[in-house]
Amino acid sequence: MIDLLLTAEQEKKLSSYLGLAQKAGKIAAGDTPVIEALKKNKAKAVFVANDTAAGVINELYNNSSDAQYFRWNTKSELGRIVGKSPRGCLAVLDEGFYQAILKIIE
């Protein structure tokens, strides 16, 4: 898992792309939806909040696919970004959004 250390500008862009992906239906938000996406090999990237419980992180890894994992932000912030209550993890389900996000965080 990669710990993301981003500038304020990168944080803003990443949040915007994740919000757009949510609106396009290309985000799985929360433990159960993300684990289902991993099992079906649909997750391209998984963002795990810094305050996610160790048991949840282990469960994510146990259902791992080829998805790239990033540790970033808090559950409250991840939920806010996608317009939901606090979420411990988000999965990006679309290759195009995933590639755009990689360009932001490199």
Protein backbone atom coordinates (compact mmCIF):
# COMPACT_ATOMS: atom_id res chain seq x y z
CA MET A 1 0.00 0.00 0.00
CA ILE A 2 1.33 3.40 -0.99
CA ASP A 3 0.96 6.30 1.47
CA LEU A 4 -0.03 9.34 -0.57
CA LEU A 5 1.66 12.61 0.30
CA LEU A 6 0.06 15.18 -1.97
CA THR A 7 0.23 18.91 -2.45
CA ALA A 8 -2.94 20.93 -1.87
CA GLU A 9 -3.39 21.18 -5.64
CA GLN A 10 -3.02 17.41 -6.11
CA GLU A 11 -5.49 16.77 -3.27
CA LYS A 12 -8.04 19.06 -4.90
CA LYS A 13 -7.65 17.41 -8.31
CA LEU A 14 -7.79 13.90 -6.89
CA SER A 15 -10.92 14.75 -4.90
CA SER A 16 -12.52 16.21 -8.04
CA TYR A 17 -11.74 13.11 -10.13
CA LEU A 18 -13.08 10.79 -7.44
CA GLY A 19 -16.25 12.90 -7.23
CA LEU A 20 -16.67 12.76 -11.01
CA ALA A 21 -16.11 9.01 -11.00
CA GLN A 22 -18.78 8.67 -8.30
CA LYS A 23 -21.26 10.67 -10.38
CA ALA A 24 -20.44 8.43 -13.38
CA GLY A 25 -21.11 5.31 -11.29
CA LYS A 26 -17.47 4.21 -11.42
CA ILE A 27 -16.76 4.15 -7.66
CA ALA A 28 -17.47 1.45 -5.10
CA ALA A 29 -17.72 3.16 -1.69
CA GLY A 30 -17.45 1.33 1.61
CA ASP A 31 -16.06 -1.98 2.82
CA THR A 32 -18.64 -4.39 1.38
CA PRO A 33 -18.94 -2.81 -2.11
CA VAL A 34 -15.15 -2.54 -2.41
CA ILE A 35 -14.63 -6.16 -1.36
CA GLU A 36 -17.25 -7.25 -3.94
CA ALA A 37 -15.46 -5.22 -6.62
CA LEU A 38 -12.15 -6.85 -5.66
CA LYS A 39 -13.68 -10.34 -5.80
CA LYS A 40 -15.04 -9.61 -9.29
CA ASN A 41 -11.66 -8.14 -10.33
CA LYS A 42 -13.33 -4.81 -11.22
CA ALA A 43 -11.31 -2.54 -8.91
CA LYS A 44 -8.43 -0.68 -10.59
CA ALA A 45 -7.38 1.29 -7.49
CA VAL A 46 -8.41 1.19 -3.85
CA PHE A 47 -8.12 4.23 -1.59
CA VAL A 48 -8.00 3.25 2.09
CA ALA A 49 -8.53 5.90 4.78
CA ASN A 50 -5.78 6.36 7.35
CA ASP A 51 -8.26 5.61 10.15
CA THR A 52 -9.62 2.36 8.67
CA ALA A 53 -9.53 -0.59 11.08
CA ALA A 54 -6.76 -3.14 10.61
CA GLY A 55 -9.31 -5.95 10.26
CA VAL A 56 -10.93 -4.22 7.29
CA ILE A 57 -7.55 -3.68 5.65
CA ASN A 58 -6.73 -7.37 6.09
CA GLU A 59 -10.06 -8.32 4.53
CA LEU A 60 -9.35 -6.04 1.57
CA TYR A 61 -5.98 -7.70 1.04
CA ASN A 62 -7.51 -11.18 1.41
CA ASN A 63 -9.82 -10.37 -1.51
CA SER A 64 -7.12 -8.62 -3.49
CA SER A 65 -7.03 -8.51 -7.24
CA ASP A 66 -4.55 -6.60 -9.36
CA ALA A 67 -5.78 -3.32 -7.87
CA GLN A 68 -3.27 -0.78 -6.65
CA TYR A 69 -3.75 0.30 -3.01
CA PHE A 70 -3.32 3.84 -1.71
CA ARG A 71 -3.57 5.02 1.89
CA TRP A 72 -4.98 8.53 1.90
CA ASN A 73 -7.13 10.87 3.97
CA THR A 74 -9.74 9.98 6.61
CA LYS A 75 -13.01 8.06 6.49
CA SER A 76 -14.92 11.33 6.88
CA GLU A 77 -13.09 12.93 3.96
CA LEU A 78 -13.46 9.90 1.66
CA GLY A 79 -17.19 9.88 2.37
CA ARG A 80 -17.47 13.63 1.79
CA ILE A 81 -15.63 13.40 -1.52
CA VAL A 82 -18.19 10.93 -2.91
CA GLY A 83 -21.20 12.59 -1.23
CA LYS A 84 -21.78 9.87 1.37
CA SER A 85 -21.35 9.21 5.07
CA PRO A 86 -17.83 8.26 6.25
CA ARG A 87 -16.28 5.43 4.18
CA GLY A 88 -13.16 3.45 5.07
CA CYS A 89 -12.32 2.75 1.44
CA LEU A 90 -13.16 3.61 -2.14
CA ALA A 91 -12.47 1.60 -5.29
CA VAL A 92 -12.10 3.13 -8.75
CA LEU A 93 -13.80 0.80 -11.24
CA ASP A 94 -12.93 2.48 -14.54
CA GLU A 95 -9.59 2.30 -16.34
CA GLY A 96 -9.91 5.84 -17.74
CA PHE A 97 -10.47 7.41 -14.32
CA TYR A 98 -7.69 5.23 -12.90
CA GLN A 99 -5.20 6.45 -15.52
CA ALA A 100 -6.21 10.09 -14.95
CA ILE A 101 -5.73 9.64 -11.19
CA LEU A 102 -2.29 8.09 -11.69
CA LYS A 103 -1.23 11.20 -13.63
CA ILE A 104 -2.30 13.40 -10.71
CA ILE A 105 -0.47 11.48 -8.01
CA GLU A 106 2.80 10.82 -9.86
